[in-house]
Amino acid sequence: MADPQEIAEMYDLKTTRTGLNRSLAEGDGLFFNHNGLVLPGETLEMYERSITDEKSRLERLHEIEQNLVRFGILYLGTPTEGMIGLDAGCGGGESGIMIHRSFGSTIEGFTLSPEQARYGNGAAENYGCSDKVRFHVGDMLNLERPKGSYDFIWVCESTEHAADLDAMFREFNRVAKSLSRLVIIAWCAVDPKLKEVVDNHYLTDIHRFDEYLESAQREGWNLAEHVDLTGMTAPYWELRSRSENGTGAEEFMYSGFRDKGIEYHLLAFDKQTYC
């Protein structure tokens, strides 16, 4: 397992260098570091019809990445303008901005990467929501916030970097208000050999699906909703594998999701009433 400084440096580099992620963000300024979804009722072919060159391919990939956030936030319940949400492992701020624009809620995001926090705050300025959306450098396993600070918690593809799920769920429980909703979207390990490949490439320690359920229950969270996203994300990686801006991960990630050597899950938890 990589230490936090190594993870921060990796994301600093991803945020500042020219490459796939920066290219995908060029249009609307939203910088994603996560999978995309081809939604139910859609097919990859529907997106491919409008692809004529690499520029249009990147535009379609960006749309598919946005699908993930639009789909995932449906499981946050009913956030309101007066609520405060935590974006734990906020990346470049894309999810937090989209959540605010959807519900009006105040969002606080935390990332290990100073460059991600800088980028996210710049994007919030550009979208005119910096008074309600702010991103900070910090560790989601040790948040410098009082008990009961947040009405809901969004965690998209950052739990893969948490070696201790119990500590993570415990900290989320501490900062969440009573009956808060917690939405986690995560890669989940299945094939041990593929897990090793993924972990080495992304500096992760991906966990099995059942480990999330067991750890959450121990630390005061009840599973309310679950969606297996594996079949919806495999086409995203298939399209990425055709990009001239690929990162090298496409081959094992596409085949991994296609063959279910790795899975992709959305888990929505509610904080137990006695916690």
Protein backbone atom coordinates (compact mmCIF):
# COMPACT_ATOMS: atom_id res chain seq x y z
CA MET A 1 0.00 0.00 0.00
CA ALA A 2 1.39 3.40 -1.01
CA ASP A 3 1.77 6.09 1.61
CA PRO A 4 -0.38 9.24 1.41
CA GLN A 5 2.48 11.36 0.08
CA GLU A 6 3.00 9.01 -2.87
CA ILE A 7 -0.73 9.10 -3.63
CA ALA A 8 -0.76 12.91 -3.41
CA GLU A 9 2.19 13.17 -5.79
CA MET A 10 0.53 10.81 -8.27
CA TYR A 11 -2.62 12.94 -8.39
CA ASP A 12 -0.63 16.17 -8.49
CA LEU A 13 1.03 14.85 -11.64
CA LYS A 14 -2.25 13.63 -13.16
CA THR A 15 -3.74 17.09 -12.61
CA THR A 16 -0.89 19.18 -14.02
CA ARG A 17 0.50 17.17 -16.91
CA THR A 18 -0.87 16.96 -20.43
CA GLY A 19 -2.70 13.67 -20.86
CA LEU A 20 -6.05 11.95 -21.02
CA ASN A 21 -7.62 13.52 -17.92
CA ARG A 22 -6.61 17.07 -18.86
CA SER A 23 -7.78 16.52 -22.43
CA LEU A 24 -11.18 15.31 -21.26
CA ALA A 25 -11.59 18.43 -19.09
CA GLU A 26 -10.83 20.92 -21.85
CA GLY A 27 -14.45 21.52 -22.84
CA ASP A 28 -16.28 22.32 -19.59
CA GLY A 29 -13.44 22.43 -17.07
CA LEU A 30 -14.73 19.46 -15.06
CA PHE A 31 -11.78 17.18 -14.28
CA PHE A 32 -12.75 13.56 -13.71
CA ASN A 33 -10.53 10.84 -12.24
CA HIS A 34 -13.09 8.04 -12.32
CA ASN A 35 -14.92 5.58 -14.55
CA GLY A 36 -17.86 6.37 -16.77
CA LEU A 37 -21.18 4.60 -17.27
CA VAL A 38 -23.19 3.65 -20.33
CA LEU A 39 -26.59 3.88 -18.68
CA PRO A 40 -29.46 1.39 -18.82
CA GLY A 41 -31.26 1.75 -22.14
CA GLU A 42 -28.10 3.02 -23.84
CA THR A 43 -25.44 1.20 -25.84
CA LEU A 44 -21.87 2.11 -26.64
CA GLU A 45 -22.86 2.19 -30.30
CA MET A 46 -25.17 5.13 -29.56
CA TYR A 47 -22.14 7.16 -28.50
CA GLU A 48 -19.89 5.87 -31.26
CA ARG A 49 -22.22 7.11 -34.02
CA SER A 50 -21.06 10.68 -33.49
CA ILE A 51 -17.34 9.85 -33.23
CA THR A 52 -15.40 11.03 -36.26
CA ASP A 53 -11.98 11.74 -34.76
CA GLU A 54 -10.08 11.73 -31.47
CA LYS A 55 -11.62 15.04 -30.38
CA SER A 56 -15.15 13.68 -30.68
CA ARG A 57 -14.08 10.43 -29.01
CA LEU A 58 -12.83 12.39 -26.00
CA GLU A 59 -16.08 14.35 -25.90
CA ARG A 60 -18.09 11.12 -25.76
CA LEU A 61 -15.82 9.72 -23.04
CA HIS A 62 -16.39 12.87 -21.02
CA GLU A 63 -20.16 12.53 -21.39
CA ILE A 64 -19.95 8.93 -20.18
CA GLU A 65 -17.90 10.04 -17.16
CA GLN A 66 -20.54 12.64 -16.32
CA ASN A 67 -23.15 9.87 -16.48
CA LEU A 68 -21.56 8.28 -13.43
CA VAL A 69 -22.08 11.35 -11.26
CA ARG A 70 -25.59 12.00 -12.59
CA PHE A 71 -26.52 8.39 -11.87
CA GLY A 72 -24.78 8.20 -8.51
CA ILE A 73 -26.28 11.33 -7.00
CA LEU A 74 -29.76 9.86 -7.45
CA TYR A 75 -28.86 7.71 -4.43
CA LEU A 76 -28.01 10.64 -2.14
CA GLY A 77 -31.65 10.92 -1.16
CA THR A 78 -33.06 14.44 -1.20
CA PRO A 79 -30.33 16.95 -0.36
CA THR A 80 -31.55 20.52 0.02
CA GLU A 81 -30.01 23.96 -0.30
CA GLY A 82 -29.54 24.21 3.46
CA MET A 83 -27.58 20.96 3.77
CA ILE A 84 -23.82 20.48 3.90
CA GLY A 85 -22.27 17.51 2.10
CA LEU A 86 -18.82 15.95 2.31
CA ASP A 87 -17.01 14.95 -0.89
CA ALA A 88 -14.42 12.55 0.54
CA GLY A 89 -11.50 12.09 -1.82
CA CYS A 90 -12.86 14.86 -4.03
CA GLY A 91 -10.39 14.68 -6.90
CA GLY A 92 -10.49 17.78 -9.07
CA GLY A 93 -13.86 18.82 -7.68
CA GLU A 94 -16.11 17.66 -10.50
CA SER A 95 -18.56 15.67 -8.36
CA GLY A 96 -18.86 18.36 -5.71
CA ILE A 97 -19.65 21.00 -8.31
CA MET A 98 -22.22 18.77 -10.01
CA ILE A 99 -23.87 17.89 -6.68
CA HIS A 100 -24.13 21.57 -5.75
CA ARG A 101 -25.56 22.47 -9.15
CA SER A 102 -28.14 19.70 -8.80
CA PHE A 103 -29.32 20.37 -5.23
CA GLY A 104 -27.93 23.73 -4.13
CA SER A 105 -26.22 22.12 -1.13
CA THR A 106 -22.96 23.38 0.31
CA ILE A 107 -20.08 21.00 -0.44
CA GLU A 108 -16.77 20.53 1.36
CA GLY A 109 -14.26 18.33 -0.41
CA PHE A 110 -11.00 16.82 0.82
CA THR A 111 -8.12 15.40 -1.20
CA LEU A 112 -4.54 14.45 -0.45
CA SER A 113 -3.42 16.33 -3.57
CA PRO A 114 -2.74 20.09 -3.36
CA GLU A 115 -3.01 20.35 -7.14
CA GLN A 116 -6.44 18.70 -7.16
CA ALA A 117 -7.67 21.08 -4.46
CA ARG A 118 -6.28 24.03 -6.40
CA TYR A 119 -7.92 22.87 -9.62
CA GLY A 120 -11.25 22.19 -7.93
CA ASN A 121 -11.37 25.61 -6.29
CA GLY A 122 -10.55 27.23 -9.62
CA ALA A 123 -13.36 25.29 -11.29
CA ALA A 124 -15.78 26.32 -8.54
CA GLU A 125 -14.80 29.96 -9.18
CA ASN A 126 -15.43 29.50 -12.89
CA TYR A 127 -18.83 27.96 -12.22
CA GLY A 128 -19.77 30.77 -9.85
CA CYS A 129 -20.24 28.55 -6.82
CA SER A 130 -17.06 29.08 -4.79
CA ASP A 131 -19.13 30.50 -1.93
CA LYS A 132 -20.83 27.11 -1.57
CA VAL A 133 -18.22 24.65 -2.87
CA ARG A 134 -14.70 24.48 -1.43
CA PHE A 135 -11.94 21.90 -1.65
CA HIS A 136 -9.22 21.36 0.94
CA VAL A 137 -6.04 19.34 1.33
CA GLY A 138 -6.73 16.70 3.95
CA ASP A 139 -7.04 13.01 4.75
CA MET A 140 -10.55 11.55 4.69
CA LEU A 141 -9.44 9.10 7.39
CA ASN A 142 -8.71 12.00 9.74
CA LEU A 143 -11.00 14.90 8.92
CA GLU A 144 -10.45 18.06 10.94
CA ARG A 145 -14.16 18.68 11.35
CA PRO A 146 -16.44 18.44 14.41
CA LYS A 147 -18.72 15.51 15.09
CA GLY A 148 -21.98 15.66 13.12
CA SER A 149 -20.80 18.18 10.53
CA TYR A 150 -22.39 16.69 7.40
CA ASP A 151 -25.88 15.84 6.16
CA PHE A 152 -24.61 13.45 3.48
CA ILE A 153 -21.33 11.98 2.25
CA TRP A 154 -20.24 11.24 -1.32
CA VAL A 155 -17.21 8.99 -1.89
CA CYS A 156 -16.41 8.22 -5.53
CA GLU A 157 -13.39 6.02 -6.27
CA SER A 158 -11.31 7.09 -3.30
CA THR A 159 -11.94 4.24 -0.85
CA GLU A 160 -9.59 2.18 -3.02
CA HIS A 161 -6.74 4.10 -1.38
CA ALA A 162 -7.93 3.34 2.18
CA ALA A 163 -6.13 0.35 3.66
CA ASP A 164 -8.35 0.28 6.76
CA LEU A 165 -12.05 0.29 5.88
CA ASP A 166 -13.09 0.13 9.53
CA ALA A 167 -11.21 3.36 10.27
CA MET A 168 -12.75 4.98 7.21
CA PHE A 169 -16.36 4.07 8.05
CA ARG A 170 -15.73 5.07 11.67
CA GLU A 171 -14.54 8.54 10.65
CA PHE A 172 -17.48 8.96 8.28
CA ASN A 173 -19.79 8.00 11.14
CA ARG A 174 -18.17 10.58 13.40
CA VAL A 175 -18.61 13.51 11.01
CA ALA A 176 -22.08 12.48 9.76
CA LYS A 177 -25.30 13.73 11.31
CA SER A 178 -27.91 11.25 12.51
CA LEU A 179 -29.59 9.33 9.66
CA SER A 180 -27.13 10.70 7.09
CA ARG A 181 -26.81 9.01 3.71
CA LEU A 182 -23.39 7.77 2.56
CA VAL A 183 -22.86 6.88 -1.11
CA ILE A 184 -19.72 4.95 -2.08
CA ILE A 185 -18.75 4.05 -5.65
CA ALA A 186 -15.82 1.66 -5.74
CA TRP A 187 -13.78 -0.84 -7.67
CA CYS A 188 -13.98 -4.19 -5.91
CA ALA A 189 -11.42 -6.98 -6.03
CA VAL A 190 -12.31 -10.43 -7.39
CA ASP A 191 -9.27 -11.97 -9.11
CA PRO A 192 -6.19 -11.73 -6.83
CA LYS A 193 -3.78 -11.48 -9.77
CA LEU A 194 -5.73 -8.64 -11.35
CA LYS A 195 -5.97 -6.91 -7.97
CA GLU A 196 -2.18 -6.91 -7.82
CA VAL A 197 -1.93 -5.37 -11.30
CA VAL A 198 -4.49 -2.67 -10.48
CA ASP A 199 -2.95 -1.88 -7.09
CA ASN A 200 0.53 -1.53 -8.58
CA HIS A 201 -0.70 0.77 -11.35
CA TYR A 202 -2.97 3.02 -9.27
CA LEU A 203 -1.30 2.84 -5.82
CA THR A 204 -4.47 1.31 -4.42
CA ASP A 205 -5.45 -1.52 -2.11
CA ILE A 206 -8.82 -2.47 -3.59
CA HIS A 207 -11.19 -4.41 -1.38
CA ARG A 208 -13.74 -7.15 -1.92
CA PHE A 209 -17.41 -6.20 -2.04
CA ASP A 210 -18.19 -8.16 1.11
CA GLU A 211 -15.47 -6.30 3.01
CA TYR A 212 -17.38 -3.05 2.48
CA LEU A 213 -20.58 -4.57 3.81
CA GLU A 214 -18.96 -6.11 6.86
CA SER A 215 -16.92 -3.04 7.77
CA ALA A 216 -19.85 -0.67 7.29
CA GLN A 217 -22.06 -2.75 9.56
CA ARG A 218 -19.40 -2.84 12.27
CA GLU A 219 -19.05 0.93 12.19
CA GLY A 220 -22.72 1.92 12.32
CA TRP A 221 -23.88 1.98 8.69
CA ASN A 222 -26.81 0.01 7.24
CA LEU A 223 -26.88 -0.84 3.54
CA ALA A 224 -29.96 0.82 2.02
CA GLU A 225 -29.36 0.41 -1.73
CA HIS A 226 -26.88 -1.35 -3.98
CA VAL A 227 -26.25 -1.30 -7.74
CA ASP A 228 -23.73 -3.48 -9.56
CA LEU A 229 -22.23 -1.06 -12.11
CA THR A 230 -19.75 -3.52 -13.64
CA GLY A 231 -21.66 -4.09 -16.88
CA MET A 232 -22.28 -0.36 -17.29
CA THR A 233 -18.62 0.64 -16.95
CA ALA A 234 -17.02 -2.01 -19.18
CA PRO A 235 -18.12 -0.14 -22.37
CA TYR A 236 -16.46 3.03 -21.07
CA TRP A 237 -13.15 1.20 -20.88
CA GLU A 238 -13.75 -0.35 -24.28
CA LEU A 239 -14.10 3.12 -25.79
CA ARG A 240 -11.05 4.37 -23.86
CA SER A 241 -9.02 1.50 -25.30
CA ARG A 242 -9.51 3.08 -28.75
CA SER A 243 -8.28 6.50 -27.68
CA GLU A 244 -4.97 7.89 -28.88
CA ASN A 245 -4.58 9.36 -25.37
CA GLY A 246 -4.79 6.08 -23.46
CA THR A 247 -2.85 5.71 -20.23
CA GLY A 248 -1.87 2.05 -20.51
CA ALA A 249 -4.49 0.89 -18.02
CA GLU A 250 -7.18 0.34 -20.64
CA GLU A 251 -6.17 -3.18 -21.61
CA PHE A 252 -6.38 -4.73 -18.15
CA MET A 253 -9.23 -2.53 -16.91
CA TYR A 254 -11.46 -3.22 -19.91
CA SER A 255 -10.89 -6.98 -19.87
CA GLY A 256 -11.13 -6.96 -16.08
CA PHE A 257 -14.58 -5.37 -15.98
CA ARG A 258 -15.75 -7.27 -19.07
CA ASP A 259 -14.79 -10.63 -17.56
CA LYS A 260 -15.62 -9.59 -13.97
CA GLY A 261 -12.12 -10.09 -12.66
CA ILE A 262 -12.81 -6.73 -11.03
CA GLU A 263 -16.23 -5.33 -10.17
CA TYR A 264 -17.71 -1.86 -9.85
CA HIS A 265 -20.33 -1.18 -7.20
CA LEU A 266 -22.49 1.63 -5.86
CA LEU A 267 -23.38 1.22 -2.20
CA ALA A 268 -25.74 3.59 -0.38
CA PHE A 269 -25.68 3.38 3.41
CA ASP A 270 -27.76 5.08 6.09
CA LYS A 271 -26.25 5.93 9.46
CA GLN A 272 -27.75 3.73 12.16
CA THR A 273 -30.12 5.63 14.44
CA TYR A 274 -28.25 4.77 17.65
CA CYS A 275 -24.93 6.12 16.38
